[in-house]
Amino acid sequence: MTWSEMQPLLSDACLDTLFMVGWSTVYAVLGGLPLGVLLVLTDRGGLLQNVMLNKVVGAVVNVGRSLPFFILMIVLIPLCRVLIGTSIGPSAAVVPLAIGAVPFFARLVETAIREVDHGLVEAAQSMGGGTWTIVLKVLLPQALPPIVAGLTTTVIALIGYSAMAGSIGGGGLGNLAYVYGYQRFETGLMLVTVVLLIVIVSAVQLLGDLAVRQLSRRGSSRSAPPVRLRLPWSGRAAGDAEALALGKTS
């Protein structure tokens, strides 16, 4: 197969992969972020302590994470037909991708929020901050760098899942590699597909690392404001102390 024949196939497959990963990432954030926050708030000692609810939500998340993605795709075929009208194609593949990514990202969010210094929460409570004020003003801003790092990990996992979804007609680069590389023995096309997946994963990891680095720098600059020390003396004594200090430095 020549490059002119490969190019349109690769372009369409890349767009399908980006479509699946993009929408499933959106749904993973919309579902996993509040779920992870809920796991922290309802835990023992949390702001909304509810042990029973925490165990139920934790069990649901654990079940969602424990299912192999290939089995999850097969189990959700009837649901895809109900929601999308078909069980093949990129739109249908978004359903299992999103459902598989939500519990995965929720645990990463939970871990990130648990790393926040509890003293900041206590300080916000002492100033009269309510539960959602603490969540929006303290927990999420402080945990934002590890949350972004977790999101990067989730996106990379979704890229791998989307390639796996191609084996059952999900479309994208995985389907292209399976149909042309495996069934039609187009080794060149399969190698190009592998290289494209590596490039996409590397780009996502690079962008995620840059975002985490920038957020960490901003957080450190905000968390360490300049401190002004006042001399405990007044009047002439203070002036003498300052003059003495200037004399030593000079």
Protein backbone atom coordinates (compact mmCIF):
# COMPACT_ATOMS: atom_id res chain seq x y z
CA MET A 1 0.00 0.00 0.00
CA THR A 2 1.42 3.38 -1.03
CA TRP A 3 1.49 6.49 1.13
CA SER A 4 -1.17 8.18 -1.02
CA GLU A 5 -3.47 5.26 -0.22
CA MET A 6 -2.56 5.29 3.48
CA GLN A 7 -2.99 9.01 4.04
CA PRO A 8 -6.82 9.31 3.84
CA LEU A 9 -7.24 6.19 5.95
CA LEU A 10 -4.85 7.50 8.60
CA SER A 11 -6.47 10.95 8.62
CA ASP A 12 -9.96 9.57 9.17
CA ALA A 13 -8.70 7.12 11.80
CA CYS A 14 -6.86 9.88 13.71
CA LEU A 15 -9.98 12.05 13.73
CA ASP A 16 -12.06 9.14 15.00
CA THR A 17 -9.54 8.44 17.76
CA LEU A 18 -9.45 12.10 18.83
CA PHE A 19 -13.25 12.17 18.77
CA MET A 20 -13.55 9.12 21.02
CA VAL A 21 -10.83 10.19 23.43
CA GLY A 22 -12.02 13.81 23.57
CA TRP A 23 -15.65 13.12 24.39
CA SER A 24 -14.88 10.29 26.79
CA THR A 25 -12.44 12.60 28.61
CA VAL A 26 -15.17 15.23 28.97
CA TYR A 27 -17.56 12.66 30.44
CA ALA A 28 -14.81 11.27 32.67
CA VAL A 29 -14.20 14.72 34.17
CA LEU A 30 -17.92 15.48 34.55
CA GLY A 31 -18.52 12.17 36.31
CA GLY A 32 -15.19 11.39 37.98
CA LEU A 33 -14.45 14.79 39.53
CA PRO A 34 -17.62 15.05 41.68
CA LEU A 35 -17.40 11.34 42.45
CA GLY A 36 -13.85 11.70 43.74
CA VAL A 37 -14.82 14.74 45.83
CA LEU A 38 -17.79 12.81 47.25
CA LEU A 39 -15.53 9.93 48.28
CA VAL A 40 -13.37 12.34 50.30
CA LEU A 41 -16.23 14.32 51.85
CA THR A 42 -18.20 11.27 53.01
CA ASP A 43 -15.22 9.39 54.43
CA ARG A 44 -14.56 9.14 58.18
CA GLY A 45 -13.64 12.58 59.43
CA GLY A 46 -14.82 14.20 56.23
CA LEU A 47 -16.86 17.35 55.97
CA LEU A 48 -19.98 15.34 55.04
CA GLN A 49 -19.18 12.13 56.91
CA ASN A 50 -21.48 9.33 55.82
CA VAL A 51 -19.81 5.95 56.17
CA MET A 52 -22.61 3.97 54.51
CA LEU A 53 -22.77 6.23 51.45
CA ASN A 54 -18.97 6.19 51.22
CA LYS A 55 -18.89 2.40 51.22
CA VAL A 56 -21.59 2.16 48.56
CA VAL A 57 -19.92 4.71 46.27
CA GLY A 58 -16.52 3.12 46.88
CA ALA A 59 -17.88 -0.32 46.00
CA VAL A 60 -19.37 0.99 42.74
CA VAL A 61 -16.06 2.63 41.83
CA ASN A 62 -14.12 -0.53 42.66
CA VAL A 63 -16.41 -2.65 40.50
CA GLY A 64 -16.06 -0.22 37.60
CA ARG A 65 -12.28 -0.27 37.88
CA SER A 66 -11.98 -4.03 38.23
CA LEU A 67 -13.77 -4.92 34.99
CA PRO A 68 -11.38 -5.48 32.06
CA PHE A 69 -12.19 -2.98 29.34
CA PHE A 70 -12.70 -5.60 26.64
CA ILE A 71 -15.35 -7.34 28.75
CA LEU A 72 -16.92 -3.97 29.59
CA MET A 73 -17.29 -3.17 25.89
CA ILE A 74 -19.10 -6.44 25.25
CA VAL A 75 -21.37 -6.04 28.29
CA LEU A 76 -22.34 -2.49 27.24
CA ILE A 77 -23.27 -3.37 23.64
CA PRO A 78 -27.03 -3.39 24.44
CA LEU A 79 -26.69 -0.04 26.22
CA CYS A 80 -24.89 1.42 23.20
CA ARG A 81 -27.73 0.31 20.95
CA VAL A 82 -30.26 1.97 23.26
CA LEU A 83 -28.36 5.26 23.63
CA ILE A 84 -26.73 5.61 20.20
CA GLY A 85 -28.79 3.27 18.02
CA THR A 86 -25.78 1.18 17.04
CA SER A 87 -22.96 -0.72 18.72
CA ILE A 88 -20.24 0.09 16.16
CA GLY A 89 -18.50 3.30 15.23
CA PRO A 90 -16.76 6.04 17.24
CA SER A 91 -19.97 7.38 18.79
CA ALA A 92 -20.89 3.98 20.17
CA ALA A 93 -17.35 3.47 21.49
CA VAL A 94 -17.62 6.65 23.58
CA VAL A 95 -20.15 4.93 25.88
CA PRO A 96 -17.86 2.17 27.25
CA LEU A 97 -14.87 4.49 27.16
CA ALA A 98 -16.62 7.06 29.35
CA ILE A 99 -18.08 4.49 31.73
CA GLY A 100 -14.67 2.85 32.11
CA ALA A 101 -12.86 6.17 32.63
CA VAL A 102 -15.19 7.68 35.27
CA PRO A 103 -14.23 5.37 38.18
CA PHE A 104 -10.59 5.41 37.09
CA PHE A 105 -10.42 9.20 37.21
CA ALA A 106 -12.53 9.35 40.39
CA ARG A 107 -9.90 7.40 42.34
CA LEU A 108 -7.15 9.69 41.03
CA VAL A 109 -9.15 12.74 42.12
CA GLU A 110 -9.73 11.21 45.54
CA THR A 111 -6.00 10.54 45.98
CA ALA A 112 -5.12 14.09 44.88
CA ILE A 113 -7.57 15.73 47.31
CA ARG A 114 -6.39 13.58 50.23
CA GLU A 115 -2.90 15.02 49.76
CA VAL A 116 -4.13 18.55 50.61
CA ASP A 117 -2.88 19.78 53.96
CA HIS A 118 -5.68 19.34 56.50
CA GLY A 119 -4.51 22.47 58.29
CA LEU A 120 -5.77 24.56 55.36
CA VAL A 121 -9.21 23.00 55.73
CA GLU A 122 -9.23 23.70 59.47
CA ALA A 123 -8.17 27.31 58.84
CA ALA A 124 -11.01 27.76 56.34
CA GLN A 125 -13.49 26.26 58.80
CA SER A 126 -12.29 28.57 61.57
CA MET A 127 -13.04 31.54 59.32
CA GLY A 128 -16.60 30.33 58.79
CA GLY A 129 -16.20 28.64 55.42
CA GLY A 130 -18.94 26.21 54.48
CA THR A 131 -18.49 22.80 52.92
CA TRP A 132 -18.75 23.86 49.29
CA THR A 133 -16.70 26.99 49.91
CA ILE A 134 -13.92 24.79 51.27
CA VAL A 135 -14.25 22.42 48.31
CA LEU A 136 -14.17 25.18 45.69
CA LYS A 137 -11.72 27.55 47.38
CA VAL A 138 -9.35 25.19 49.20
CA LEU A 139 -9.48 21.53 48.19
CA LEU A 140 -9.78 21.77 44.42
CA PRO A 141 -7.33 24.67 43.92
CA GLN A 142 -4.71 23.05 46.16
CA ALA A 143 -5.19 19.64 44.51
CA LEU A 144 -5.29 20.99 40.95
CA PRO A 145 -1.74 19.98 39.88
CA PRO A 146 -2.15 16.29 40.87
CA ILE A 147 -5.66 16.30 39.42
CA VAL A 148 -4.27 17.49 36.08
CA ALA A 149 -1.58 14.82 36.32
CA GLY A 150 -4.31 12.25 36.95
CA LEU A 151 -6.27 13.57 33.98
CA THR A 152 -3.19 13.14 31.81
CA THR A 153 -2.92 9.53 32.94
CA THR A 154 -6.62 9.03 32.21
CA VAL A 155 -6.33 10.43 28.68
CA ILE A 156 -3.37 8.17 27.92
CA ALA A 157 -5.33 5.18 29.22
CA LEU A 158 -8.28 6.21 27.03
CA ILE A 159 -6.03 6.28 23.97
CA GLY A 160 -5.12 2.66 24.67
CA TYR A 161 -8.75 1.76 25.33
CA SER A 162 -9.83 3.42 22.07
CA ALA A 163 -7.33 1.28 20.16
CA MET A 164 -8.81 -1.77 21.88
CA ALA A 165 -12.32 -0.64 20.95
CA GLY A 166 -11.29 -0.77 17.30
CA SER A 167 -11.13 -4.55 17.49
CA ILE A 168 -14.94 -4.71 17.78
CA GLY A 169 -15.73 -2.02 15.24
CA GLY A 170 -15.17 1.08 17.33
CA GLY A 171 -13.25 2.87 14.60
CA GLY A 172 -10.07 4.89 15.00
CA LEU A 173 -6.45 3.84 14.72
CA GLY A 174 -7.10 0.57 16.52
CA ASN A 175 -9.68 -0.49 13.98
CA LEU A 176 -7.39 0.55 11.14
CA ALA A 177 -4.53 -1.52 12.54
CA TYR A 178 -6.81 -4.51 13.08
CA VAL A 179 -8.53 -4.47 9.69
CA TYR A 180 -5.57 -3.59 7.48
CA GLY A 181 -2.59 -4.61 9.58
CA TYR A 182 -3.89 -7.87 11.01
CA GLN A 183 -6.57 -9.12 8.60
CA ARG A 184 -4.98 -7.85 5.36
CA PHE A 185 -1.32 -8.18 6.37
CA GLU A 186 -0.49 -4.52 5.61
CA THR A 187 2.58 -4.39 7.82
CA GLY A 188 3.61 -0.92 6.69
CA LEU A 189 0.25 0.57 7.63
CA MET A 190 0.34 -1.13 11.01
CA LEU A 191 3.79 0.31 11.74
CA VAL A 192 2.63 3.80 10.80
CA THR A 193 -0.40 3.37 13.08
CA VAL A 194 1.82 2.36 15.98
CA VAL A 195 4.05 5.39 15.40
CA LEU A 196 1.02 7.71 15.34
CA LEU A 197 -0.24 6.28 18.64
CA ILE A 198 3.19 6.79 20.19
CA VAL A 199 3.28 10.39 18.94
CA ILE A 200 -0.21 11.13 20.31
CA VAL A 201 0.58 9.63 23.71
CA SER A 202 3.91 11.50 23.90
CA ALA A 203 2.21 14.79 22.99
CA VAL A 204 -0.48 14.30 25.64
CA GLN A 205 2.13 13.46 28.27
CA LEU A 206 4.23 16.49 27.33
CA LEU A 207 1.28 18.87 27.50
CA GLY A 208 0.13 17.36 30.79
CA ASP A 209 3.59 17.73 32.34
CA LEU A 210 3.80 21.36 31.21
CA ALA A 211 0.38 22.12 32.68
CA VAL A 212 1.27 20.48 36.00
CA ARG A 213 4.55 22.40 36.15
CA GLN A 214 2.86 25.73 35.51
CA LEU A 215 0.12 25.07 38.06
CA SER A 216 2.67 24.02 40.68
CA ARG A 217 4.65 27.22 40.16
CA ARG A 218 1.56 29.39 40.50
CA GLY A 219 0.47 27.50 43.59
CA SER A 220 3.86 27.87 45.25
CA SER A 221 4.00 31.59 44.49
CA ARG A 222 0.53 32.14 45.96
CA SER A 223 1.17 29.98 49.01
CA ALA A 224 4.36 31.83 49.98
CA PRO A 225 3.49 35.56 50.27
CA PRO A 226 6.18 37.98 51.40
CA VAL A 227 6.35 38.33 55.17
CA ARG A 228 7.07 41.69 56.73
CA LEU A 229 8.86 41.60 60.09
CA ARG A 230 8.44 44.54 62.39
CA LEU A 231 11.04 45.47 64.96
CA PRO A 232 9.81 45.13 68.53
CA TRP A 233 11.34 48.49 69.46
CA SER A 234 10.12 51.93 68.58
CA GLY A 235 11.54 55.38 68.18
CA ARG A 236 15.25 55.92 68.45
CA ALA A 237 16.05 52.33 69.44
CA ALA A 238 14.56 51.05 66.23
CA GLY A 239 16.49 53.63 64.20
CA ASP A 240 19.75 52.65 65.90
CA ALA A 241 19.11 48.97 65.20
CA GLU A 242 18.43 49.68 61.54
CA ALA A 243 21.54 51.84 61.24
CA LEU A 244 23.61 49.11 62.84
CA ALA A 245 22.21 46.55 60.39
CA LEU A 246 23.00 48.82 57.43
CA GLY A 247 26.53 49.33 58.73
CA LYS A 248 27.11 45.56 58.91
CA THR A 249 25.82 44.96 55.42
CA SER A 250 27.97 47.70 53.97
